[in-house]
Every structure is written in C-alpha cells, then in structure tokens.
Amino acid sequence: MLRLLNSFRPGDVVRVREHFGRVTESGLFHTEIQTEDRDLTTLPNLHLVCNPVPVVHSEGTMISMSVSLGCDVDHRPVENLLREAAKTNGLKDSCVHVMELGDYSVTYRVSGFLEEVKQLLTAPV
C-alpha cells in the first residue's frame, strides 16, 4: 500500500508518532529512518499505514519560528533582525508577520523556505 501511495521516498523527512528522521530505506515490510541522533530506526510498514505520517519532501520546506516581545519594543528593528536571522540560517524568501497583539506583548513569526532539508536534522538552533 505504501508503494502505491508513494507519499514518501528515501531522502524525505517524516514524523510518525514519537519517531522523527530522514527516510534511508523503504522495503516491502519495513521502513528505516535516520533519527536526529544519527541512529537508524526500523519501523514496520503496518505502523506507517495505521498512523498519520507528515512528510517533508527533499525538495524543500517552509520553516517558521515565533518570538514574543514587549509592546515597548519598536517593530522596525525587530523585523529587520528576524529577516537577518532567517537569511543567516539559510532560509530563502523570508517574511515577518505580526501574529498576535497581546496586553503587554507582540508575537512575531518569521518564515522562510529551507531548500536543503538535511539541515532539519543538523542545523544549529
């Protein structure tokens, strides 16, 4: 069934319940993923069929992060610094959104396109 659906292939990053990693091999009865710790974990394909499997394809994905700052902080330098942080971390086409205006804080979200999905497992935080 997994081969017919073809929802992921080697090189894609998947999350199945508590397991997260890059698909290294997909066989008839099992799928092997390399975790964040570089360990190999074998998952039965029945487990993958019975659970939702979010997939990040190897062609790239959107990455976002939120930060909340006090209302007294000027938004212009914050937006510039968030765009610069996205650029420094290899994100393309970054943008900054105001997500929430709280009583004492403003929540910003910076988003960008990560072309190299392998960095999901190895990028510094």
PDB file of N, CA and C in Angstrom:
ATOM      1  N   MET A   1       0.818  -1.197   0.000  1.00  0.00           N
ATOM      2  CA  MET A   1       0.000   0.000   0.000  1.00  0.00           C
ATOM      3  C   MET A   1       0.863   1.264   0.000  1.00  0.00           C
ATOM      4  N   LEU A   2       1.952   1.246   0.789  1.00  0.00           N
ATOM      5  CA  LEU A   2       2.834   2.416   0.822  1.00  0.00           C
ATOM      6  C   LEU A   2       3.475   2.666  -0.539  1.00  0.00           C
ATOM      7  N   ARG A   3       3.804   1.609  -1.249  1.00  0.00           N
ATOM      8  CA  ARG A   3       4.410   1.779  -2.567  1.00  0.00           C
ATOM      9  C   ARG A   3       3.422   2.360  -3.564  1.00  0.00           C
ATOM     10  N   LEU A   4       2.141   2.007  -3.435  1.00  0.00           N
ATOM     11  CA  LEU A   4       1.123   2.569  -4.327  1.00  0.00           C
ATOM     12  C   LEU A   4       0.881   4.045  -4.042  1.00  0.00           C
ATOM     13  N   LEU A   5       0.820   4.408  -2.768  1.00  0.00           N
ATOM     14  CA  LEU A   5       0.588   5.803  -2.395  1.00  0.00           C
ATOM     15  C   LEU A   5       1.795   6.676  -2.704  1.00  0.00           C
ATOM     16  N   ASN A   6       2.993   6.111  -2.529  1.00  0.00           N
ATOM     17  CA  ASN A   6       4.246   6.818  -2.819  1.00  0.00           C
ATOM     18  C   ASN A   6       4.283   8.192  -2.146  1.00  0.00           C
ATOM     19  N   SER A   7       3.862   8.237  -0.878  1.00  0.00           N
ATOM     20  CA  SER A   7       3.807   9.513  -0.169  1.00  0.00           C
ATOM     21  C   SER A   7       5.170   9.989   0.308  1.00  0.00           C
ATOM     22  N   PHE A   8       6.135   9.099   0.442  1.00  0.00           N
ATOM     23  CA  PHE A   8       7.498   9.496   0.795  1.00  0.00           C
ATOM     24  C   PHE A   8       8.474   8.555   0.128  1.00  0.00           C
ATOM     25  N   ARG A   9       9.722   9.008   0.054  1.00  0.00           N
ATOM     26  CA  ARG A   9      10.794   8.215  -0.568  1.00  0.00           C
ATOM     27  C   ARG A   9      12.092   8.505   0.178  1.00  0.00           C
ATOM     28  N   PRO A  10      13.134   7.722  -0.052  1.00  0.00           N
ATOM     29  CA  PRO A  10      14.406   7.984   0.628  1.00  0.00           C
ATOM     30  C   PRO A  10      14.860   9.430   0.416  1.00  0.00           C
ATOM     31  N   GLY A  11      15.302  10.050   1.517  1.00  0.00           N
ATOM     32  CA  GLY A  11      15.718  11.450   1.498  1.00  0.00           C
ATOM     33  C   GLY A  11      14.691  12.378   2.113  1.00  0.00           C
ATOM     34  N   ASP A  12      13.419  11.951   2.159  1.00  0.00           N
ATOM     35  CA  ASP A  12      12.375  12.760   2.774  1.00  0.00           C
ATOM     36  C   ASP A  12      12.450  12.627   4.290  1.00  0.00           C
ATOM     37  N   VAL A  13      11.956  13.627   4.987  1.00  0.00           N
ATOM     38  CA  VAL A  13      11.931  13.611   6.449  1.00  0.00           C
ATOM     39  C   VAL A  13      10.493  13.343   6.893  1.00  0.00           C
ATOM     40  N   VAL A  14      10.329  12.386   7.819  1.00  0.00           N
ATOM     41  CA  VAL A  14       8.992  12.002   8.275  1.00  0.00           C
ATOM     42  C   VAL A  14       8.910  12.051   9.795  1.00  0.00           C
ATOM     43  N   ARG A  15       7.673  12.166  10.284  1.00  0.00           N
ATOM     44  CA  ARG A  15       7.388  12.066  11.719  1.00  0.00           C
ATOM     45  C   ARG A  15       6.249  11.073  11.856  1.00  0.00           C
ATOM     46  N   VAL A  16       6.492  10.009  12.640  1.00  0.00           N
ATOM     47  CA  VAL A  16       5.475   9.010  12.918  1.00  0.00           C
ATOM     48  C   VAL A  16       5.407   8.863  14.435  1.00  0.00           C
ATOM     49  N   ARG A  17       4.363   9.416  15.012  1.00  0.00           N
ATOM     50  CA  ARG A  17       4.217   9.466  16.472  1.00  0.00           C
ATOM     51  C   ARG A  17       5.476  10.047  17.093  1.00  0.00           C
ATOM     52  N   GLU A  18       6.212   9.276  17.897  1.00  0.00           N
ATOM     53  CA  GLU A  18       7.405   9.801  18.571  1.00  0.00           C
ATOM     54  C   GLU A  18       8.676   9.672  17.729  1.00  0.00           C
ATOM     55  N   HIS A  19       8.575   9.110  16.535  1.00  0.00           N
ATOM     56  CA  HIS A  19       9.746   8.909  15.680  1.00  0.00           C
ATOM     57  C   HIS A  19       9.845  10.030  14.648  1.00  0.00           C
ATOM     58  N   PHE A  20      11.059  10.598  14.526  1.00  0.00           N
ATOM     59  CA  PHE A  20      11.311  11.681  13.587  1.00  0.00           C
ATOM     60  C   PHE A  20      12.661  11.436  12.939  1.00  0.00           C
ATOM     61  N   GLY A  21      12.730  11.505  11.614  1.00  0.00           N
ATOM     62  CA  GLY A  21      14.009  11.311  10.952  1.00  0.00           C
ATOM     63  C   GLY A  21      13.885  11.283   9.443  1.00  0.00           C
ATOM     64  N   ARG A  22      15.035  11.076   8.806  1.00  0.00           N
ATOM     65  CA  ARG A  22      15.138  11.036   7.340  1.00  0.00           C
ATOM     66  C   ARG A  22      15.020   9.588   6.881  1.00  0.00           C
ATOM     67  N   VAL A  23      14.178   9.355   5.893  1.00  0.00           N
ATOM     68  CA  VAL A  23      13.986   8.009   5.350  1.00  0.00           C
ATOM     69  C   VAL A  23      15.262   7.602   4.614  1.00  0.00           C
ATOM     70  N   THR A  24      15.840   6.463   5.026  1.00  0.00           N
ATOM     71  CA  THR A  24      17.036   5.955   4.362  1.00  0.00           C
ATOM     72  C   THR A  24      16.735   4.759   3.477  1.00  0.00           C
ATOM     73  N   GLU A  25      15.693   4.020   3.823  1.00  0.00           N
ATOM     74  CA  GLU A  25      15.349   2.823   3.051  1.00  0.00           C
ATOM     75  C   GLU A  25      13.867   2.512   3.252  1.00  0.00           C
ATOM     76  N   SER A  26      13.215   2.097   2.188  1.00  0.00           N
ATOM     77  CA  SER A  26      11.814   1.707   2.269  1.00  0.00           C
ATOM     78  C   SER A  26      11.658   0.353   1.602  1.00  0.00           C
ATOM     79  N   GLY A  27      11.421  -0.680   2.409  1.00  0.00           N
ATOM     80  CA  GLY A  27      11.299  -2.039   1.895  1.00  0.00           C
ATOM     81  C   GLY A  27       9.854  -2.493   1.851  1.00  0.00           C
ATOM     82  N   LEU A  28       9.659  -3.759   1.573  1.00  0.00           N
ATOM     83  CA  LEU A  28       8.326  -4.327   1.469  1.00  0.00           C
ATOM     84  C   LEU A  28       7.636  -4.404   2.823  1.00  0.00           C
ATOM     85  N   PHE A  29       8.383  -4.705   3.890  1.00  0.00           N
ATOM     86  CA  PHE A  29       7.788  -4.894   5.208  1.00  0.00           C
ATOM     87  C   PHE A  29       8.175  -3.823   6.226  1.00  0.00           C
ATOM     88  N   HIS A  30       9.219  -3.063   5.950  1.00  0.00           N
ATOM     89  CA  HIS A  30       9.661  -2.063   6.924  1.00  0.00           C
ATOM     90  C   HIS A  30      10.243  -0.841   6.218  1.00  0.00           C
ATOM     91  N   THR A  31      10.327   0.253   6.980  1.00  0.00           N
ATOM     92  CA  THR A  31      10.962   1.487   6.518  1.00  0.00           C
ATOM     93  C   THR A  31      11.980   1.889   7.565  1.00  0.00           C
ATOM     94  N   GLU A  32      13.159   2.291   7.107  1.00  0.00           N
ATOM     95  CA  GLU A  32      14.236   2.662   8.022  1.00  0.00           C
ATOM     96  C   GLU A  32      14.423   4.174   7.967  1.00  0.00           C
ATOM     97  N   ILE A  33      14.498   4.792   9.161  1.00  0.00           N
ATOM     98  CA  ILE A  33      14.745   6.239   9.223  1.00  0.00           C
ATOM     99  C   ILE A  33      15.982   6.504  10.065  1.00  0.00           C
ATOM    100  N   GLN A  34      16.688   7.567   9.725  1.00  0.00           N
ATOM    101  CA  GLN A  34      17.842   8.017  10.499  1.00  0.00           C
ATOM    102  C   GLN A  34      17.374   9.163  11.377  1.00  0.00           C
ATOM    103  N   THR A  35      17.500   9.002  12.689  1.00  0.00           N
ATOM    104  CA  THR A  35      16.984   9.979  13.644  1.00  0.00           C
ATOM    105  C   THR A  35      17.930  11.164  13.795  1.00  0.00           C
ATOM    106  N   GLU A  36      17.519  12.116  14.625  1.00  0.00           N
ATOM    107  CA  GLU A  36      18.335  13.297  14.894  1.00  0.00           C
ATOM    108  C   GLU A  36      19.683  12.932  15.502  1.00  0.00           C
ATOM    109  N   ASP A  37      19.720  11.811  16.236  1.00  0.00           N
ATOM    110  CA  ASP A  37      20.964  11.349  16.860  1.00  0.00           C
ATOM    111  C   ASP A  37      21.802  10.493  15.924  1.00  0.00           C
ATOM    112  N   ARG A  38      21.393  10.409  14.664  1.00  0.00           N
ATOM    113  CA  ARG A  38      22.051   9.608  13.633  1.00  0.00           C
ATOM    114  C   ARG A  38      21.901   8.104  13.855  1.00  0.00           C
ATOM    115  N   ASP A  39      20.966   7.723  14.720  1.00  0.00           N
ATOM    116  CA  ASP A  39      20.660   6.313  14.907  1.00  0.00           C
ATOM    117  C   ASP A  39      19.687   5.878  13.817  1.00  0.00           C
ATOM    118  N   LEU A  40      19.765   4.601  13.450  1.00  0.00           N
ATOM    119  CA  LEU A  40      18.822   4.055  12.475  1.00  0.00           C
ATOM    120  C   LEU A  40      17.695   3.359  13.223  1.00  0.00           C
ATOM    121  N   THR A  41      16.462   3.694  12.857  1.00  0.00           N
ATOM    122  CA  THR A  41      15.281   3.093  13.477  1.00  0.00           C
ATOM    123  C   THR A  41      14.468   2.426  12.380  1.00  0.00           C
ATOM    124  N   THR A  42      14.088   1.180  12.618  1.00  0.00           N
ATOM    125  CA  THR A  42      13.277   0.435  11.664  1.00  0.00           C
ATOM    126  C   THR A  42      11.828   0.447  12.132  1.00  0.00           C
ATOM    127  N   LEU A  43      10.947   0.901  11.256  1.00  0.00           N
ATOM    128  CA  LEU A  43       9.524   0.960  11.558  1.00  0.00           C
ATOM    129  C   LEU A  43       8.775  -0.015  10.659  1.00  0.00           C
ATOM    130  N   PRO A  44       7.893  -0.834  11.224  1.00  0.00           N
ATOM    131  CA  PRO A  44       7.080  -1.721  10.381  1.00  0.00           C
ATOM    132  C   PRO A  44       6.145  -0.890   9.496  1.00  0.00           C
ATOM    133  N   ASN A  45       5.979  -1.291   8.258  1.00  0.00           N
ATOM    134  CA  ASN A  45       5.114  -0.548   7.351  1.00  0.00           C
ATOM    135  C   ASN A  45       3.664  -0.533   7.830  1.00  0.00           C
ATOM    136  N   LEU A  46       3.238  -1.555   8.560  1.00  0.00           N
ATOM    137  CA  LEU A  46       1.888  -1.560   9.117  1.00  0.00           C
ATOM    138  C   LEU A  46       1.703  -0.373  10.074  1.00  0.00           C
ATOM    139  N   HIS A  47       2.746  -0.044  10.819  1.00  0.00           N
ATOM    140  CA  HIS A  47       2.712   1.111  11.731  1.00  0.00           C
ATOM    141  C   HIS A  47       2.551   2.404  10.929  1.00  0.00           C
ATOM    142  N   LEU A  48       3.197   2.492   9.779  1.00  0.00           N
ATOM    143  CA  LEU A  48       3.108   3.689   8.940  1.00  0.00           C
ATOM    144  C   LEU A  48       1.740   3.806   8.279  1.00  0.00           C
ATOM    145  N   VAL A  49       1.127   2.678   7.959  1.00  0.00           N
ATOM    146  CA  VAL A  49      -0.188   2.697   7.331  1.00  0.00           C
ATOM    147  C   VAL A  49      -1.268   3.087   8.345  1.00  0.00           C
ATOM    148  N   CYS A  50      -1.091   2.702   9.598  1.00  0.00           N
ATOM    149  CA  CYS A  50      -2.112   2.927  10.633  1.00  0.00           C
ATOM    150  C   CYS A  50      -1.987   4.282  11.328  1.00  0.00           C
ATOM    151  N   ASN A  51      -0.952   5.048  11.051  1.00  0.00           N
ATOM    152  CA  ASN A  51      -0.736   6.337  11.712  1.00  0.00           C
ATOM    153  C   ASN A  51      -0.510   7.425  10.672  1.00  0.00           C
ATOM    154  N   PRO A  52      -0.892   8.659  10.999  1.00  0.00           N
ATOM    155  CA  PRO A  52      -0.598   9.758  10.076  1.00  0.00           C
ATOM    156  C   PRO A  52       0.912   9.977   9.972  1.00  0.00           C
ATOM    157  N   VAL A  53       1.380  10.270   8.774  1.00  0.00           N
ATOM    158  CA  VAL A  53       2.811  10.460   8.533  1.00  0.00           C
ATOM    159  C   VAL A  53       3.026  11.805   7.839  1.00  0.00           C
ATOM    160  N   PRO A  54       3.291  12.873   8.621  1.00  0.00           N
ATOM    161  CA  PRO A  54       3.663  14.137   7.987  1.00  0.00           C
ATOM    162  C   PRO A  54       5.016  13.980   7.295  1.00  0.00           C
ATOM    163  N   VAL A  55       5.109  14.484   6.061  1.00  0.00           N
ATOM    164  CA  VAL A  55       6.313  14.303   5.241  1.00  0.00           C
ATOM    165  C   VAL A  55       6.855  15.657   4.825  1.00  0.00           C
ATOM    166  N   VAL A  56       8.167  15.827   4.961  1.00  0.00           N
ATOM    167  CA  VAL A  56       8.871  16.980   4.409  1.00  0.00           C
ATOM    168  C   VAL A  56       9.687  16.445   3.246  1.00  0.00           C
ATOM    169  N   HIS A  57       9.278  16.784   2.020  1.00  0.00           N
ATOM    170  CA  HIS A  57       9.958  16.266   0.842  1.00  0.00           C
ATOM    171  C   HIS A  57      11.345  16.879   0.694  1.00  0.00           C
ATOM    172  N   SER A  58      12.226  16.158   0.061  1.00  0.00           N
ATOM    173  CA  SER A  58      13.618  16.570  -0.057  1.00  0.00           C
ATOM    174  C   SER A  58      13.805  17.815  -0.923  1.00  0.00           C
ATOM    175  N   GLU A  59      12.759  18.256  -1.627  1.00  0.00           N
ATOM    176  CA  GLU A  59      12.874  19.455  -2.465  1.00  0.00           C
ATOM    177  C   GLU A  59      12.864  20.734  -1.651  1.00  0.00           C
ATOM    178  N   GLY A  60      12.480  20.661  -0.366  1.00  0.00           N
ATOM    179  CA  GLY A  60      12.473  21.841   0.482  1.00  0.00           C
ATOM    180  C   GLY A  60      11.176  21.972   1.247  1.00  0.00           C
ATOM    181  N   THR A  61      11.187  22.886   2.239  1.00  0.00           N
ATOM    182  CA  THR A  61      10.014  23.095   3.072  1.00  0.00           C
ATOM    183  C   THR A  61      10.054  24.492   3.685  1.00  0.00           C
ATOM    184  N   MET A  62       8.917  24.915   4.175  1.00  0.00           N
ATOM    185  CA  MET A  62       8.829  26.185   4.880  1.00  0.00           C
ATOM    186  C   MET A  62       9.150  25.951   6.350  1.00  0.00           C
ATOM    187  N   ILE A  63       9.942  26.840   6.927  1.00  0.00           N
ATOM    188  CA  ILE A  63      10.302  26.799   8.338  1.00  0.00           C
ATOM    189  C   ILE A  63       9.826  28.105   8.964  1.00  0.00           C
ATOM    190  N   SER A  64       9.278  28.029  10.163  1.00  0.00           N
ATOM    191  CA  SER A  64       8.858  29.256  10.838  1.00  0.00           C
ATOM    192  C   SER A  64       9.164  29.168  12.323  1.00  0.00           C
ATOM    193  N   MET A  65       9.269  30.335  12.931  1.00  0.00           N
ATOM    194  CA  MET A  65       9.558  30.435  14.352  1.00  0.00           C
ATOM    195  C   MET A  65       8.869  31.684  14.875  1.00  0.00           C
ATOM    196  N   SER A  66       8.357  31.587  16.102  1.00  0.00           N
ATOM    197  CA  SER A  66       7.671  32.722  16.715  1.00  0.00           C
ATOM    198  C   SER A  66       8.481  33.269  17.877  1.00  0.00           C
ATOM    199  N   VAL A  67       8.354  34.574  18.085  1.00  0.00           N
ATOM    200  CA  VAL A  67       9.001  35.232  19.217  1.00  0.00           C
ATOM    201  C   VAL A  67       8.036  36.293  19.740  1.00  0.00           C
ATOM    202  N   SER A  68       7.991  36.426  21.043  1.00  0.00           N
ATOM    203  CA  SER A  68       7.107  37.398  21.670  1.00  0.00           C
ATOM    204  C   SER A  68       7.959  38.437  22.404  1.00  0.00           C
ATOM    205  N   LEU A  69       7.708  39.704  22.106  1.00  0.00           N
ATOM    206  CA  LEU A  69       8.465  40.802  22.711  1.00  0.00           C
ATOM    207  C   LEU A  69       7.503  41.824  23.298  1.00  0.00           C
ATOM    208  N   GLY A  70       7.984  42.620  24.235  1.00  0.00           N
ATOM    209  CA  GLY A  70       7.163  43.632  24.877  1.00  0.00           C
ATOM    210  C   GLY A  70       6.660  44.673  23.890  1.00  0.00           C
ATOM    211  N   CYS A  71       5.525  45.262  24.213  1.00  0.00           N
ATOM    212  CA  CYS A  71       4.924  46.283  23.342  1.00  0.00           C
ATOM    213  C   CYS A  71       5.791  47.531  23.212  1.00  0.00           C
ATOM    214  N   ASP A  72       6.708  47.737  24.171  1.00  0.00           N
ATOM    215  CA  ASP A  72       7.550  48.920  24.135  1.00  0.00           C
ATOM    216  C   ASP A  72       8.706  48.807  23.146  1.00  0.00           C
ATOM    217  N   VAL A  73       8.908  47.637  22.536  1.00  0.00           N
ATOM    218  CA  VAL A  73       9.993  47.423  21.573  1.00  0.00           C
ATOM    219  C   VAL A  73       9.506  47.843  20.183  1.00  0.00           C
ATOM    220  N   ASP A  74      10.281  48.706  19.517  1.00  0.00           N
ATOM    221  CA  ASP A  74       9.937  49.185  18.180  1.00  0.00           C
ATOM    222  C   ASP A  74       9.946  48.032  17.183  1.00  0.00           C
ATOM    223  N   HIS A  75       8.938  47.934  16.337  1.00  0.00           N
ATOM    224  CA  HIS A  75       8.794  46.805  15.422  1.00  0.00           C
ATOM    225  C   HIS A  75       9.788  46.815  14.265  1.00  0.00           C
ATOM    226  N   ARG A  76      10.268  47.980  13.828  1.00  0.00           N
ATOM    227  CA  ARG A  76      11.159  48.038  12.658  1.00  0.00           C
ATOM    228  C   ARG A  76      12.476  47.298  12.880  1.00  0.00           C
ATOM    229  N   PRO A  77      13.213  47.536  13.980  1.00  0.00           N
ATOM    230  CA  PRO A  77      14.442  46.764  14.166  1.00  0.00           C
ATOM    231  C   PRO A  77      14.163  45.278  14.397  1.00  0.00           C
ATOM    232  N   VAL A  78      13.046  44.964  15.049  1.00  0.00           N
ATOM    233  CA  VAL A  78      12.703  43.554  15.294  1.00  0.00           C
ATOM    234  C   VAL A  78      12.514  42.832  13.970  1.00  0.00           C
ATOM    235  N   GLU A  79      11.749  43.418  13.064  1.00  0.00           N
ATOM    236  CA  GLU A  79      11.505  42.793  11.767  1.00  0.00           C
ATOM    237  C   GLU A  79      12.796  42.636  10.976  1.00  0.00           C
ATOM    238  N   ASN A  80      13.654  43.646  11.006  1.00  0.00           N
ATOM    239  CA  ASN A  80      14.938  43.549  10.297  1.00  0.00           C
ATOM    240  C   ASN A  80      15.823  42.451  10.889  1.00  0.00           C
ATOM    241  N   LEU A  81      15.867  42.366  12.213  1.00  0.00           N
ATOM    242  CA  LEU A  81      16.684  41.331  12.859  1.00  0.00           C
ATOM    243  C   LEU A  81      16.146  39.931  12.579  1.00  0.00           C
ATOM    244  N   LEU A  82      14.833  39.769  12.550  1.00  0.00           N
ATOM    245  CA  LEU A  82      14.258  38.450  12.253  1.00  0.00           C
ATOM    246  C   LEU A  82      14.542  38.038  10.808  1.00  0.00           C
ATOM    247  N   ARG A  83      14.447  38.987   9.876  1.00  0.00           N
ATOM    248  CA  ARG A  83      14.797  38.676   8.475  1.00  0.00           C
ATOM    249  C   ARG A  83      16.274  38.305   8.352  1.00  0.00           C
ATOM    250  N   GLU A  84      17.131  39.030   9.051  1.00  0.00           N
ATOM    251  CA  GLU A  84      18.570  38.735   9.022  1.00  0.00           C
ATOM    252  C   GLU A  84      18.856  37.363   9.620  1.00  0.00           C
ATOM    253  N   ALA A  85      18.166  36.999  10.698  1.00  0.00           N
ATOM    254  CA  ALA A  85      18.335  35.678  11.308  1.00  0.00           C
ATOM    255  C   ALA A  85      17.924  34.580  10.335  1.00  0.00           C
ATOM    256  N   ALA A  86      16.840  34.793   9.623  1.00  0.00           N
ATOM    257  CA  ALA A  86      16.396  33.804   8.636  1.00  0.00           C
ATOM    258  C   ALA A  86      17.430  33.656   7.522  1.00  0.00           C
ATOM    259  N   LYS A  87      17.959  34.766   7.058  1.00  0.00           N
ATOM    260  CA  LYS A  87      18.973  34.733   5.994  1.00  0.00           C
ATOM    261  C   LYS A  87      20.246  34.039   6.476  1.00  0.00           C
ATOM    262  N   THR A  88      20.671  34.337   7.697  1.00  0.00           N
ATOM    263  CA  THR A  88      21.870  33.720   8.267  1.00  0.00           C
ATOM    264  C   THR A  88      21.725  32.209   8.378  1.00  0.00           C
ATOM    265  N   ASN A  89      20.512  31.738   8.625  1.00  0.00           N
ATOM    266  CA  ASN A  89      20.266  30.304   8.777  1.00  0.00           C
ATOM    267  C   ASN A  89      19.883  29.620   7.473  1.00  0.00           C
ATOM    268  N   GLY A  90      20.074  30.301   6.350  1.00  0.00           N
ATOM    269  CA  GLY A  90      19.898  29.670   5.050  1.00  0.00           C
ATOM    270  C   GLY A  90      18.472  29.615   4.535  1.00  0.00           C
ATOM    271  N   LEU A  91      17.578  30.445   5.081  1.00  0.00           N
ATOM    272  CA  LEU A  91      16.199  30.458   4.605  1.00  0.00           C
ATOM    273  C   LEU A  91      16.050  31.486   3.489  1.00  0.00           C
ATOM    274  N   LYS A  92      15.381  31.100   2.433  1.00  0.00           N
ATOM    275  CA  LYS A  92      15.139  31.981   1.288  1.00  0.00           C
ATOM    276  C   LYS A  92      13.736  32.584   1.398  1.00  0.00           C
ATOM    277  N   ASP A  93      13.533  33.733   0.756  1.00  0.00           N
ATOM    278  CA  ASP A  93      12.218  34.378   0.677  1.00  0.00           C
ATOM    279  C   ASP A  93      11.566  34.514   2.046  1.00  0.00           C
ATOM    280  N   SER A  94      12.300  35.022   3.012  1.00  0.00           N
ATOM    281  CA  SER A  94      11.761  35.126   4.368  1.00  0.00           C
ATOM    282  C   SER A  94      10.771  36.280   4.476  1.00  0.00           C
ATOM    283  N   CYS A  95       9.861  36.150   5.425  1.00  0.00           N
ATOM    284  CA  CYS A  95       8.896  37.204   5.706  1.00  0.00           C
ATOM    285  C   CYS A  95       8.585  37.202   7.198  1.00  0.00           C
ATOM    286  N   VAL A  96       8.130  38.343   7.698  1.00  0.00           N
ATOM    287  CA  VAL A  96       7.804  38.506   9.114  1.00  0.00           C
ATOM    288  C   VAL A  96       6.344  38.939   9.212  1.00  0.00           C
ATOM    289  N   HIS A  97       5.607  38.277  10.094  1.00  0.00           N
ATOM    290  CA  HIS A  97       4.197  38.596  10.321  1.00  0.00           C
ATOM    291  C   HIS A  97       3.985  38.902  11.794  1.00  0.00           C
ATOM    292  N   VAL A  98       3.091  39.840  12.069  1.00  0.00           N
ATOM    293  CA  VAL A  98       2.632  40.045  13.438  1.00  0.00           C
ATOM    294  C   VAL A  98       1.479  39.070  13.634  1.00  0.00           C
ATOM    295  N   MET A  99       1.663  38.138  14.568  1.00  0.00           N
ATOM    296  CA  MET A  99       0.672  37.083  14.774  1.00  0.00           C
ATOM    297  C   MET A  99      -0.363  37.449  15.831  1.00  0.00           C
ATOM    298  N   GLU A 100       0.074  38.167  16.874  1.00  0.00           N
ATOM    299  CA  GLU A 100      -0.843  38.459  17.966  1.00  0.00           C
ATOM    300  C   GLU A 100      -0.434  39.740  18.679  1.00  0.00           C
ATOM    301  N   LEU A 101      -1.414  40.546  18.989  1.00  0.00           N
ATOM    302  CA  LEU A 101      -1.200  41.729  19.821  1.00  0.00           C
ATOM    303  C   LEU A 101      -1.790  41.413  21.187  1.00  0.00           C
ATOM    304  N   GLY A 102      -0.918  41.135  22.147  1.00  0.00           N
ATOM    305  CA  GLY A 102      -1.372  40.816  23.493  1.00  0.00           C
ATOM    306  C   GLY A 102      -1.503  42.062  24.339  1.00  0.00           C
ATOM    307  N   ASP A 103      -1.823  41.879  25.599  1.00  0.00           N
ATOM    308  CA  ASP A 103      -1.955  43.010  26.516  1.00  0.00           C
ATOM    309  C   ASP A 103      -0.629  43.736  26.714  1.00  0.00           C
ATOM    310  N   TYR A 104       0.456  42.955  26.826  1.00  0.00           N
ATOM    311  CA  TYR A 104       1.773  43.548  27.105  1.00  0.00           C
ATOM    312  C   TYR A 104       2.845  43.126  26.109  1.00  0.00           C
ATOM    313  N   SER A 105       2.465  42.356  25.086  1.00  0.00           N
ATOM    314  CA  SER A 105       3.483  41.860  24.155  1.00  0.00           C
ATOM    315  C   SER A 105       2.929  41.752  22.747  1.00  0.00           C
ATOM    316  N   VAL A 106       3.855  41.647  21.802  1.00  0.00           N
ATOM    317  CA  VAL A 106       3.544  41.428  20.392  1.00  0.00           C
ATOM    318  C   VAL A 106       4.247  40.138  19.980  1.00  0.00           C
ATOM    319  N   THR A 107       3.515  39.232  19.325  1.00  0.00           N
ATOM    320  CA  THR A 107       4.102  37.980  18.860  1.00  0.00           C
ATOM    321  C   THR A 107       4.363  38.090  17.363  1.00  0.00           C
ATOM    322  N   TYR A 108       5.632  37.880  16.984  1.00  0.00           N
ATOM    323  CA  TYR A 108       6.064  37.923  15.590  1.00  0.00           C
ATOM    324  C   TYR A 108       6.354  36.497  15.137  1.00  0.00           C
ATOM    325  N   ARG A 109       6.127  36.234  13.851  1.00  0.00           N
ATOM    326  CA  ARG A 109       6.517  34.949  13.265  1.00  0.00           C
ATOM    327  C   ARG A 109       7.346  35.233  12.025  1.00  0.00           C
ATOM    328  N   VAL A 110       8.536  34.627  11.991  1.00  0.00           N
ATOM    329  CA  VAL A 110       9.385  34.725  10.811  1.00  0.00           C
ATOM    330  C   VAL A 110       9.329  33.378  10.099  1.00  0.00           C
ATOM    331  N   SER A 111       9.181  33.420   8.776  1.00  0.00           N
ATOM    332  CA  SER A 111       9.087  32.208   7.965  1.00  0.00           C
ATOM    333  C   SER A 111      10.023  32.335   6.773  1.00  0.00           C
ATOM    334  N   GLY A 112      10.485  31.185   6.287  1.00  0.00           N
ATOM    335  CA  GLY A 112      11.328  31.168   5.109  1.00  0.00           C
ATOM    336  C   GLY A 112      11.402  29.780   4.523  1.00  0.00           C
ATOM    337  N   PHE A 113      11.876  29.694   3.295  1.00  0.00           N
ATOM    338  CA  PHE A 113      11.969  28.423   2.583  1.00  0.00           C
ATOM    339  C   PHE A 113      13.347  27.814   2.790  1.00  0.00           C
ATOM    340  N   LEU A 114      13.388  26.583   3.310  1.00  0.00           N
ATOM    341  CA  LEU A 114      14.633  25.840   3.506  1.00  0.00           C
ATOM    342  C   LEU A 114      14.785  24.875   2.343  1.00  0.00           C
ATOM    343  N   GLU A 115      15.759  25.145   1.471  1.00  0.00           N
ATOM    344  CA  GLU A 115      15.950  24.302   0.288  1.00  0.00           C
ATOM    345  C   GLU A 115      16.610  22.974   0.635  1.00  0.00           C
ATOM    346  N   GLU A 116      17.546  22.995   1.561  1.00  0.00           N
ATOM    347  CA  GLU A 116      18.308  21.795   1.921  1.00  0.00           C
ATOM    348  C   GLU A 116      17.687  21.159   3.156  1.00  0.00           C
ATOM    349  N   VAL A 117      16.843  20.158   2.958  1.00  0.00           N
ATOM    350  CA  VAL A 117      16.084  19.544   4.047  1.00  0.00           C
ATOM    351  C   VAL A 117      16.992  18.805   5.027  1.00  0.00           C
ATOM    352  N   LYS A 118      18.170  18.385   4.603  1.00  0.00           N
ATOM    353  CA  LYS A 118      19.090  17.692   5.516  1.00  0.00           C
ATOM    354  C   LYS A 118      19.425  18.571   6.719  1.00  0.00           C
ATOM    355  N   GLN A 119      19.321  19.894   6.557  1.00  0.00           N
ATOM    356  CA  GLN A 119      19.612  20.815   7.652  1.00  0.00           C
ATOM    357  C   GLN A 119      18.576  20.741   8.769  1.00  0.00           C
ATOM    358  N   LEU A 120      17.403  20.157   8.494  1.00  0.00           N
ATOM    359  CA  LEU A 120      16.404  19.987   9.550  1.00  0.00           C
ATOM    360  C   LEU A 120      16.965  19.169  10.707  1.00  0.00           C
ATOM    361  N   LEU A 121      17.826  18.210  10.389  1.00  0.00           N
ATOM    362  CA  LEU A 121      18.392  17.339  11.409  1.00  0.00           C
ATOM    363  C   LEU A 121      19.706  17.850  11.967  1.00  0.00           C
ATOM    364  N   THR A 122      20.400  18.738  11.245  1.00  0.00           N
ATOM    365  CA  THR A 122      21.743  19.121  11.666  1.00  0.00           C
ATOM    366  C   THR A 122      21.912  20.606  11.924  1.00  0.00           C
ATOM    367  N   ALA A 123      20.932  21.428  11.591  1.00  0.00           N
ATOM    368  CA  ALA A 123      21.087  22.887  11.743  1.00  0.00           C
ATOM    369  C   ALA A 123      21.162  23.264  13.213  1.00  0.00           C
ATOM    370  N   PRO A 124      22.051  24.220  13.555  1.00  0.00           N
ATOM    371  CA  PRO A 124      22.115  24.684  14.943  1.00  0.00           C
ATOM    372  C   PRO A 124      20.851  25.456  15.290  1.00  0.00           C
ATOM    373  N   VAL A 125      20.430  25.361  16.538  1.00  0.00           N
ATOM    374  CA  VAL A 125      19.214  26.051  16.974  1.00  0.00           C
ATOM    375  C   VAL A 125      19.598  27.296  17.745  1.00  0.00           C
TER     376      VAL A 125
END
